[in-house]
Protein backbone atom coordinates (compact mmCIF):
# COMPACT_ATOMS: atom_id res chain seq x y z
CA MET A 1 -60.27 90.60 38.15
CA PRO A 2 -63.69 92.05 39.10
CA LYS A 3 -63.66 93.72 42.49
CA ASN A 4 -66.41 91.50 43.87
CA ARG A 5 -64.42 88.32 43.25
CA GLN A 6 -62.75 86.79 46.31
CA PRO A 7 -59.77 84.86 44.97
CA SER A 8 -58.75 83.49 48.37
CA LEU A 9 -61.95 81.43 48.45
CA LEU A 10 -60.90 79.65 45.28
CA VAL A 11 -57.35 78.86 46.29
CA PRO A 12 -56.76 75.29 47.56
CA SER A 13 -56.87 74.94 51.33
CA GLY A 14 -53.92 76.26 53.30
CA THR A 15 -52.96 79.06 50.92
CA SER A 16 -54.03 82.63 50.30
CA ALA A 17 -53.93 85.15 47.51
CA ASP A 18 -52.78 88.76 47.48
CA GLN A 19 -53.91 91.37 45.00
CA SER A 20 -51.56 93.98 43.55
CA GLN A 21 -52.20 96.84 41.18
CA ALA A 22 -50.26 97.03 37.90
CA SER A 23 -51.11 99.12 34.87
CA ASN A 24 -54.58 99.76 36.35
CA GLU A 25 -55.36 96.04 36.15
CA CYS A 26 -55.96 93.89 39.21
CA LEU A 27 -53.51 90.98 39.18
CA ILE A 28 -52.96 88.50 41.93
CA THR A 29 -49.86 86.91 43.37
CA VAL A 30 -49.99 83.72 45.44
CA PRO A 31 -47.70 82.73 48.32
CA PHE A 32 -46.27 79.23 48.35
CA GLY A 33 -44.05 78.53 51.33
CA SER A 34 -41.33 81.18 51.28
CA HIS A 35 -42.00 81.96 47.61
CA THR A 36 -44.36 84.29 45.84
CA LEU A 37 -45.90 83.04 42.60
CA THR A 38 -46.68 85.35 39.70
CA SER A 39 -47.94 84.92 36.13
CA HIS A 40 -46.27 85.87 32.89
CA PHE A 41 -47.89 85.51 29.47
CA GLN A 42 -46.23 84.94 26.09
CA PRO A 43 -48.22 85.62 22.90
CA ILE A 44 -48.96 82.99 20.27
CA TYR A 45 -49.63 84.21 16.75
CA GLY A 46 -51.54 82.69 13.87
CA LEU A 47 -49.26 83.00 10.86
CA SER A 48 -52.12 83.00 8.33
CA ALA A 49 -54.46 85.08 10.51
CA GLN A 50 -51.53 87.50 11.14
CA ARG A 51 -52.70 88.22 14.70
CA SER A 52 -52.43 86.78 18.18
CA VAL A 53 -54.67 83.79 18.88
CA GLY A 54 -53.71 83.23 22.49
CA TYR A 55 -51.08 83.30 25.23
CA GLU A 56 -49.13 80.68 27.13
CA ALA A 57 -49.19 81.14 30.89
CA LEU A 58 -45.78 80.80 32.50
CA LEU A 59 -44.86 80.65 36.18
CA ARG A 60 -42.50 83.27 37.61
CA PRO A 61 -41.64 82.59 41.30
CA PHE A 62 -39.70 84.88 43.62
CA ALA A 63 -37.88 84.15 46.88
CA ALA A 64 -38.67 86.01 50.11
CA ASP A 65 -35.95 88.59 49.38
CA GLY A 66 -37.44 89.31 45.94
CA THR A 67 -34.88 87.29 43.99
CA ALA A 68 -36.22 85.56 40.88
CA VAL A 69 -36.24 81.76 41.13
CA SER A 70 -36.13 79.33 38.22
CA PRO A 71 -39.64 77.88 37.70
CA LEU A 72 -38.15 74.44 36.97
CA THR A 73 -36.09 74.56 40.15
CA LEU A 74 -39.16 75.26 42.25
CA LEU A 75 -41.35 72.74 40.44
CA ASN A 76 -38.75 69.96 40.58
CA SER A 77 -38.17 70.57 44.30
CA GLN A 78 -41.74 69.54 45.09
CA GLN A 79 -42.95 65.96 45.28
CA GLY A 80 -46.24 64.15 45.76
CA ALA A 81 -49.06 66.17 47.31
CA MET A 82 -47.01 69.37 47.46
CA ARG A 83 -46.27 69.21 43.74
CA GLN A 84 -49.97 68.70 43.06
CA LYS A 85 -50.85 71.64 45.31
CA LEU A 86 -48.28 73.82 43.54
CA ASP A 87 -49.77 72.94 40.16
CA GLN A 88 -53.27 73.76 41.39
CA LEU A 89 -52.05 77.11 42.68
CA CYS A 90 -50.44 77.87 39.34
CA HIS A 91 -53.63 77.00 37.47
CA PHE A 92 -55.69 79.24 39.74
CA LEU A 93 -53.14 82.03 39.43
CA HIS A 94 -52.92 81.94 35.64
CA LEU A 95 -56.64 81.53 35.05
CA SER A 96 -57.49 84.39 37.40
CA ASN A 97 -54.91 86.77 35.97
CA TYR A 98 -55.71 85.96 32.35
CA GLN A 99 -59.41 86.39 33.03
CA SER A 100 -58.73 89.86 34.40
CA ILE A 101 -56.48 91.16 31.61
CA SER A 102 -57.65 89.38 28.44
CA LYS A 103 -60.20 91.42 26.52
CA GLN A 104 -60.22 89.18 23.47
CA ASN A 105 -61.67 85.75 22.80
CA ASP A 106 -58.16 84.24 22.75
CA TRP A 107 -56.89 80.90 23.99
CA LEU A 108 -54.97 80.43 27.22
CA PHE A 109 -52.34 77.67 26.97
CA LEU A 110 -51.94 76.04 30.37
CA ASN A 111 -49.12 73.59 31.20
CA MET A 112 -50.15 70.66 33.36
CA ASN A 113 -48.01 68.25 35.34
CA PRO A 114 -48.56 64.67 34.06
CA HIS A 115 -49.64 63.41 37.51
CA VAL A 116 -52.13 66.27 37.93
CA PHE A 117 -53.40 65.62 34.41
CA LEU A 118 -54.00 61.94 35.20
CA GLN A 119 -55.65 62.63 38.55
CA ALA A 120 -57.95 65.42 37.33
CA ARG A 121 -60.97 63.14 36.80
CA LYS A 122 -60.56 61.59 40.25
CA ALA A 123 -60.47 64.86 42.22
CA PRO A 124 -63.42 65.57 44.57
CA SER A 125 -66.04 67.74 42.86
CA ASN A 126 -65.44 70.73 45.14
CA ASP A 127 -61.70 70.59 44.45
CA SER A 128 -61.86 69.67 40.77
CA PHE A 129 -60.43 71.53 37.81
CA GLY A 130 -63.93 71.90 36.37
CA ASN A 131 -65.10 73.46 39.62
CA MET A 132 -62.25 75.96 39.47
CA LEU A 133 -63.25 76.94 35.92
CA ALA A 134 -66.88 77.31 36.99
CA LYS A 135 -66.09 79.52 40.00
CA LEU A 136 -63.78 81.70 37.95
CA ASP A 137 -66.38 81.77 35.15
CA PHE A 138 -63.60 80.85 32.71
CA PRO A 139 -64.97 79.43 29.42
CA PRO A 140 -63.36 75.98 28.94
CA GLN A 141 -63.36 76.40 25.15
CA ARG A 142 -60.75 79.15 25.59
CA LEU A 143 -58.41 76.79 27.41
CA VAL A 144 -55.67 74.67 25.79
CA ILE A 145 -54.26 72.02 28.12
CA GLU A 146 -50.62 71.27 27.30
CA VAL A 147 -49.47 67.69 27.87
CA LEU A 148 -45.80 66.76 27.58
CA GLU A 149 -45.30 64.35 24.70
CA GLU A 150 -43.07 62.00 26.71
CA ALA A 151 -45.76 61.76 29.41
CA VAL A 152 -48.23 60.10 27.01
CA ARG A 153 -48.93 56.56 28.18
CA ASP A 154 -50.56 53.65 26.48
CA ASP A 155 -53.15 52.88 29.13
CA ALA A 156 -56.79 53.45 30.00
CA GLU A 157 -55.92 55.98 32.73
CA PHE A 158 -54.31 58.36 30.29
CA GLY A 159 -57.13 57.97 27.77
CA SER A 160 -59.62 58.67 30.54
CA ALA A 161 -57.79 61.89 31.46
CA VAL A 162 -57.81 63.06 27.85
CA ALA A 163 -61.53 62.31 27.62
CA PHE A 164 -62.17 64.24 30.86
CA PHE A 165 -60.66 67.49 29.55
CA ARG A 166 -62.38 67.06 26.21
CA GLU A 167 -65.70 66.61 28.01
CA LEU A 168 -65.05 69.85 29.87
CA GLY A 169 -64.72 71.54 26.47
CA CYS A 170 -60.96 72.20 26.56
CA LEU A 171 -58.54 71.71 23.69
CA ILE A 172 -55.54 69.40 24.05
CA ALA A 173 -52.02 70.32 22.92
CA LEU A 174 -49.15 67.83 22.72
CA ASP A 175 -46.11 69.75 23.97
CA ASP A 176 -42.40 69.45 23.09
CA PHE A 177 -42.91 67.25 20.02
CA GLY A 178 -39.54 66.63 18.40
CA ALA A 179 -37.55 66.69 21.64
CA GLY A 180 -36.08 63.45 22.94
CA SER A 181 -37.69 60.20 21.83
CA SER A 182 -40.56 61.66 19.82
CA ASN A 183 -42.83 59.43 17.82
CA PHE A 184 -46.08 59.82 15.93
CA ASP A 185 -47.66 56.99 17.91
CA ARG A 186 -48.40 59.49 20.68
CA VAL A 187 -50.20 61.73 18.20
CA TRP A 188 -52.41 58.83 17.09
CA LYS A 189 -53.16 57.94 20.73
CA ILE A 190 -54.46 61.25 22.05
CA ARG A 191 -55.46 63.00 18.80
CA PRO A 192 -54.54 66.50 20.02
CA GLN A 193 -56.03 69.55 18.39
CA ILE A 194 -52.59 71.22 18.51
CA VAL A 195 -49.05 69.82 18.38
CA LYS A 196 -46.31 72.11 19.67
CA LEU A 197 -42.97 71.55 17.93
CA ASP A 198 -40.02 71.86 20.27
CA ARG A 199 -37.60 74.70 19.58
CA SER A 200 -34.87 72.17 18.79
CA LEU A 201 -36.62 71.34 15.49
CA ILE A 202 -36.74 74.91 14.20
CA LEU A 203 -33.17 75.48 15.43
CA GLN A 204 -31.86 72.41 13.59
CA ALA A 205 -33.85 73.31 10.49
CA ALA A 206 -32.15 76.71 10.45
CA GLN A 207 -28.74 75.03 10.63
CA GLU A 208 -29.18 71.97 8.39
CA LYS A 209 -30.77 72.00 4.93
CA ARG A 210 -31.64 68.32 5.23
CA ILE A 211 -33.83 68.92 8.29
CA ARG A 212 -35.28 72.04 6.73
CA ARG A 213 -36.45 69.92 3.78
CA LEU A 214 -37.99 67.38 6.16
CA LEU A 215 -39.86 69.85 8.37
CA PRO A 216 -42.68 70.56 5.85
CA GLN A 217 -43.24 66.80 5.56
CA ILE A 218 -43.50 66.47 9.36
CA VAL A 219 -45.98 69.35 9.47
CA SER A 220 -47.97 67.84 6.59
CA LEU A 221 -48.20 64.49 8.39
CA LEU A 222 -49.40 66.19 11.60
CA HIS A 223 -52.00 68.06 9.57
CA GLU A 224 -53.20 64.79 8.05
CA ALA A 225 -53.47 63.40 11.59
CA GLY A 226 -55.97 66.16 12.32
CA ALA A 227 -53.75 68.51 14.34
CA MET A 228 -52.82 72.14 13.97
CA VAL A 229 -49.10 72.82 14.39
CA LEU A 230 -47.42 75.42 16.61
CA VAL A 231 -43.67 76.01 16.58
CA GLU A 232 -42.03 77.23 19.79
CA GLY A 233 -38.92 79.32 20.34
CA VAL A 234 -38.94 81.41 17.15
CA GLU A 235 -36.28 84.03 17.80
CA THR A 236 -35.07 85.14 14.37
CA GLU A 237 -36.64 86.14 11.08
CA ASP A 238 -34.93 83.21 9.38
CA GLU A 239 -36.56 80.77 11.82
CA ALA A 240 -39.93 82.46 11.22
CA TYR A 241 -39.38 82.15 7.47
CA ILE A 242 -38.76 78.40 7.88
CA ALA A 243 -41.99 78.13 9.90
CA LEU A 244 -43.90 79.89 7.11
CA ASP A 245 -42.28 77.73 4.45
CA SER A 246 -43.20 74.60 6.43
CA ASP A 247 -46.90 75.59 6.58
CA VAL A 248 -46.91 75.85 10.38
CA ASP A 249 -50.17 77.28 11.75
CA PHE A 250 -48.96 79.15 14.84
CA ALA A 251 -45.69 80.57 16.14
CA GLN A 252 -44.40 81.55 19.56
CA GLY A 253 -41.08 83.07 20.56
CA TYR A 254 -39.07 86.16 21.39
CA LEU A 255 -39.43 87.47 17.84
CA PHE A 256 -43.14 88.06 18.49
CA GLY A 257 -43.04 88.87 22.19
CA ARG A 258 -41.35 87.89 25.41
CA PRO A 259 -43.20 86.57 28.47
CA GLN A 260 -44.37 89.44 30.66
CA PRO A 261 -46.96 90.11 33.40
CA HIS A 262 -49.31 91.82 30.97
CA LEU A 263 -50.38 91.08 27.43
CA VAL A 264 -48.10 92.50 24.75
CA ASP A 265 -49.40 95.07 22.32
CA ARG A 266 -51.05 93.02 19.56
CA LYS A 267 -49.90 95.53 16.95
CA GLN A 268 -46.24 94.74 17.74
CA GLY A 269 -46.52 91.11 16.67
CA GLU A 270 -48.86 91.87 13.78
CA LYS A 271 -46.31 94.30 12.36
CA VAL A 272 -43.61 91.62 12.60
CA ILE A 273 -45.79 89.06 10.80
CA ARG A 274 -46.75 91.47 7.99
CA GLY A 275 -43.06 92.14 7.44
CA LEU A 276 -42.34 88.40 7.47
CA TRP A 277 -45.01 87.73 4.85
CA SER A 278 -43.64 90.47 2.60
CA ASP A 279 -40.11 89.07 2.96
CA PHE A 280 -41.41 85.51 2.58
CA ASP A 281 -43.04 86.24 -0.77
CA ALA A 282 -39.86 87.89 -2.04
CA ARG A 283 -37.64 85.05 -0.80
CA ILE A 284 -39.91 82.39 -2.29
CA ARG A 285 -39.72 84.08 -5.68
CA GLN A 286 -35.92 84.32 -5.42
CA GLU A 287 -35.53 80.68 -4.29
CA ARG A 288 -37.78 79.45 -7.08
CA LYS A 289 -35.78 81.45 -9.58
CA GLN A 290 -32.50 80.01 -8.30
CA HIS A 291 -33.98 76.52 -8.19
CA HIS A 292 -35.20 76.83 -11.78
CA GLN A 293 -31.86 78.18 -12.98
CA ALA A 294 -29.96 75.33 -11.28
CA LEU A 295 -32.21 72.61 -12.70
CA ALA A 296 -32.91 74.13 -16.12
CA PRO A 297 -29.94 72.39 -17.85
CA TYR A 298 -31.05 68.99 -16.49
CA LEU A 299 -34.71 69.52 -17.42
CA ASN A 300 -33.73 70.67 -20.90
CA ALA A 301 -31.39 67.72 -21.36
CA ILE A 302 -33.96 65.13 -20.26
CA GLY A 303 -36.54 66.78 -22.52
CA TYR A 304 -34.10 66.59 -25.45
CA ALA A 305 -33.43 62.92 -24.61
CA SER A 306 -37.16 62.16 -24.82
CA VAL A 307 -37.31 63.76 -28.28
CA LEU A 308 -34.36 61.69 -29.53
CA LEU A 309 -35.76 58.48 -28.05
CA SER A 310 -39.14 59.09 -29.70
CA ALA A 311 -37.23 59.38 -32.98
CA GLY A 312 -35.69 55.95 -32.44
CA ARG A 313 -32.22 56.96 -31.21
CA SER A 314 -30.35 54.77 -28.72
CA MET A 315 -30.26 55.43 -24.96
CA GLY A 316 -26.56 56.24 -25.09
CA GLU A 317 -26.99 58.82 -27.84
CA ALA A 318 -30.21 60.30 -26.42
CA CYS A 319 -28.90 60.69 -22.88
CA SER A 320 -25.34 61.84 -23.63
CA SER A 321 -26.06 65.56 -23.11
CA PHE A 322 -27.72 64.82 -19.75
CA LEU A 323 -24.91 62.54 -18.57
CA ASP A 324 -22.34 65.19 -19.45
CA LEU A 325 -23.77 67.57 -16.83
CA THR A 326 -21.82 67.98 -13.59
CA GLN A 327 -24.28 66.53 -11.07
CA SER A 328 -25.87 63.86 -13.29
CA ASP A 329 -25.64 60.30 -11.97
CA PHE A 330 -27.49 58.07 -14.42
CA CYS A 331 -30.48 57.68 -16.75
CA TYR A 332 -33.07 54.91 -16.95
CA LEU A 333 -36.06 54.10 -19.10
CA LEU A 334 -39.56 53.07 -17.95
CA ASP A 335 -42.41 51.55 -19.92
CA HIS A 336 -46.05 52.67 -19.71
CA ASN A 337 -46.52 50.61 -16.51
CA GLY A 338 -43.49 52.11 -14.79
CA ARG A 339 -41.35 49.01 -15.27
CA GLN A 340 -37.66 49.70 -15.90
CA ILE A 341 -36.40 48.71 -19.35
CA GLY A 342 -32.76 47.67 -19.14
CA SER A 343 -30.21 48.81 -16.57
CA ASN A 344 -29.15 52.25 -15.37
CA LEU A 345 -26.96 54.16 -17.82
CA TRP A 346 -24.31 55.87 -15.69
CA SER A 347 -22.47 59.08 -16.43
CA PRO A 348 -18.81 58.40 -17.29
CA TYR A 349 -17.88 61.38 -15.08
CA THR A 350 -19.59 60.35 -11.85
CA THR A 351 -17.86 58.38 -9.11
CA ARG A 352 -19.94 55.29 -8.47
CA ASN A 353 -19.42 54.95 -4.74
CA ILE A 354 -22.15 52.38 -4.28
CA ASP A 355 -22.83 51.74 -0.61
CA GLN A 356 -22.15 48.03 -0.12
CA ARG A 357 -24.93 47.89 2.45
CA LEU A 358 -27.36 48.50 -0.43
CA ALA A 359 -25.85 45.84 -2.70
CA PRO A 360 -29.10 43.82 -2.93
CA LEU A 361 -30.78 46.85 -4.52
CA VAL A 362 -28.17 47.69 -7.16
CA ASP A 363 -29.73 45.68 -10.00
CA THR A 364 -32.83 47.72 -10.93
CA GLN A 365 -33.60 46.13 -14.31
CA GLY A 366 -37.29 45.17 -14.39
CA SER A 367 -38.07 47.14 -11.21
CA ARG A 368 -41.51 48.72 -10.98
CA TRP A 369 -41.40 52.48 -10.34
CA SER A 370 -45.04 53.32 -11.07
CA ARG A 371 -45.61 54.62 -7.52
CA ARG A 372 -42.84 57.19 -7.77
CA PRO A 373 -43.66 60.88 -8.39
CA TYR A 374 -41.25 61.10 -11.32
CA PHE A 375 -43.27 58.49 -13.21
CA ARG A 376 -46.75 59.70 -12.23
CA ARG A 377 -46.02 63.35 -13.00
CA ALA A 378 -44.43 62.56 -16.34
CA ILE A 379 -47.50 60.55 -17.35
CA GLU A 380 -49.88 63.28 -16.13
CA HIS A 381 -47.95 66.04 -17.96
CA PHE A 382 -47.16 64.33 -21.23
CA GLY A 383 -44.10 65.67 -23.02
CA LYS A 384 -43.31 68.27 -20.32
CA PRO A 385 -40.18 67.63 -18.22
CA GLN A 386 -40.83 67.18 -14.47
CA VAL A 387 -38.71 67.26 -11.32
CA THR A 388 -39.24 65.64 -7.91
CA ARG A 389 -38.52 66.73 -4.37
CA PRO A 390 -35.23 65.42 -2.90
CA TYR A 391 -35.17 61.77 -1.84
CA LEU A 392 -32.67 58.97 -1.24
CA SER A 393 -31.69 57.14 -4.42
CA ILE A 394 -31.66 53.36 -3.96
CA SER A 395 -29.08 53.01 -6.71
CA SER A 396 -26.52 55.61 -5.61
CA ALA A 397 -27.27 55.90 -1.88
CA SER A 398 -27.17 59.66 -2.41
CA LEU A 399 -29.76 62.34 -1.96
CA CYS A 400 -31.06 63.26 -5.37
CA VAL A 401 -33.87 64.71 -7.43
CA THR A 402 -35.16 62.97 -10.54
CA VAL A 403 -36.03 64.76 -13.75
CA SER A 404 -38.32 62.88 -16.13
CA ALA A 405 -40.23 63.26 -19.38
CA SER A 406 -42.80 61.11 -21.17
CA PHE A 407 -42.83 60.41 -24.89
CA LYS A 408 -44.20 57.90 -27.38
CA VAL A 409 -42.32 55.47 -29.55
CA ASN A 410 -44.19 53.16 -31.92
CA GLY A 411 -47.44 54.39 -30.34
CA LYS A 412 -46.44 53.31 -26.81
CA THR A 413 -45.78 55.69 -23.91
CA GLN A 414 -42.41 55.54 -22.16
CA VAL A 415 -40.70 57.72 -19.58
CA ILE A 416 -37.05 58.70 -19.53
CA CYS A 417 -35.65 59.54 -16.08
CA GLY A 418 -32.39 61.04 -14.88
CA ASP A 419 -31.08 61.29 -11.32
CA VAL A 420 -29.37 64.53 -10.27
CA ARG A 421 -27.14 64.23 -7.23
CA ILE A 422 -27.57 66.98 -4.58
CA GLN A 423 -25.72 65.47 -1.61
CA GLN A 424 -23.23 62.65 -1.14
CA GLY A 425 -22.82 60.21 1.72
CA LEU A 426 -26.26 60.44 3.29
CA LEU A 427 -25.88 56.99 4.88
CA ASP A 428 -22.40 57.64 6.30
């Protein structure tokens, strides 16, 4: 902080600020009752940019005897006006300290209590958040206001608060998405520039393949909603690899840097990310190789079936080699409009454990599958076998992929499809 700045003049009434020297940089600590409040900063890295793009400010309180106190314990112990005063103190503290130590044009991510967030527009001008930014000469475009996802409300007051911070020039981040009762409705309501995925998502994705397959789809949907995506709590290289594979924009966690009073050496995190990218490229190549090897027999068999069908052979004869494969469930034939010709032809070796809850969907004869990727891709890549991403089969109630190939018989295009089972009992 510049020497001519008087931080105590900017602190809300009834408090004061003390300056302390650390690493030749002037940082401030703020007293609050019997506690002393300090700032810590955790880096946030752009995975494509391969460098830090900002820091999240985190409160670190200490008791009178110097013992560290849990930030949540202190925050939750305050109610009403005192909680609001504590939040204002934290904002002043973090903004002042970040202004003094940040030499880059990076973002500062600032957590805000829902009540303080809602009341920001109503504050007197001399005690407003905008006034604090102006006195500190902190550029609002460098500030990302974090709003807890569960605090989003469907009312004019909340919309007005969002508009207020946008008018100031700040960015809005929806925090803890994926924890508790998350839903995309909150994303549509506030249209945040950044959505922060809760650590629980990346942790579950590292433990369950099903969630790992879903995470890229969640990220893609958030991107389509106009938001950049940040994943919190990345602690291992495997979790970082999942973030890369899911097309996440930013990452934060112990792997890149722990919260500390000063900004971490940028080179530390950049070295980690370069290593991750190198490992990521190698792992992608290996996974694609394994994926191709696993599916090659099914792709070859469905391609052979299309050749036999184009020569006038029966479904049973054409599909026999496919249905003999271990994970094959059944084959079915579509016309040029995607309408199913006949019924599913099941493998004699598969156990048809049809979920009785899906009984109304069992008869697929005449069904229209023209919207499905296996039909569209087969039509677009005539004669070349295709494979889909995993999805739930209506017929088997199992997670599957579908291989397909287009061909012509009597001058008309048809598509032969085969479902390959990859997981049983998804609805159990």
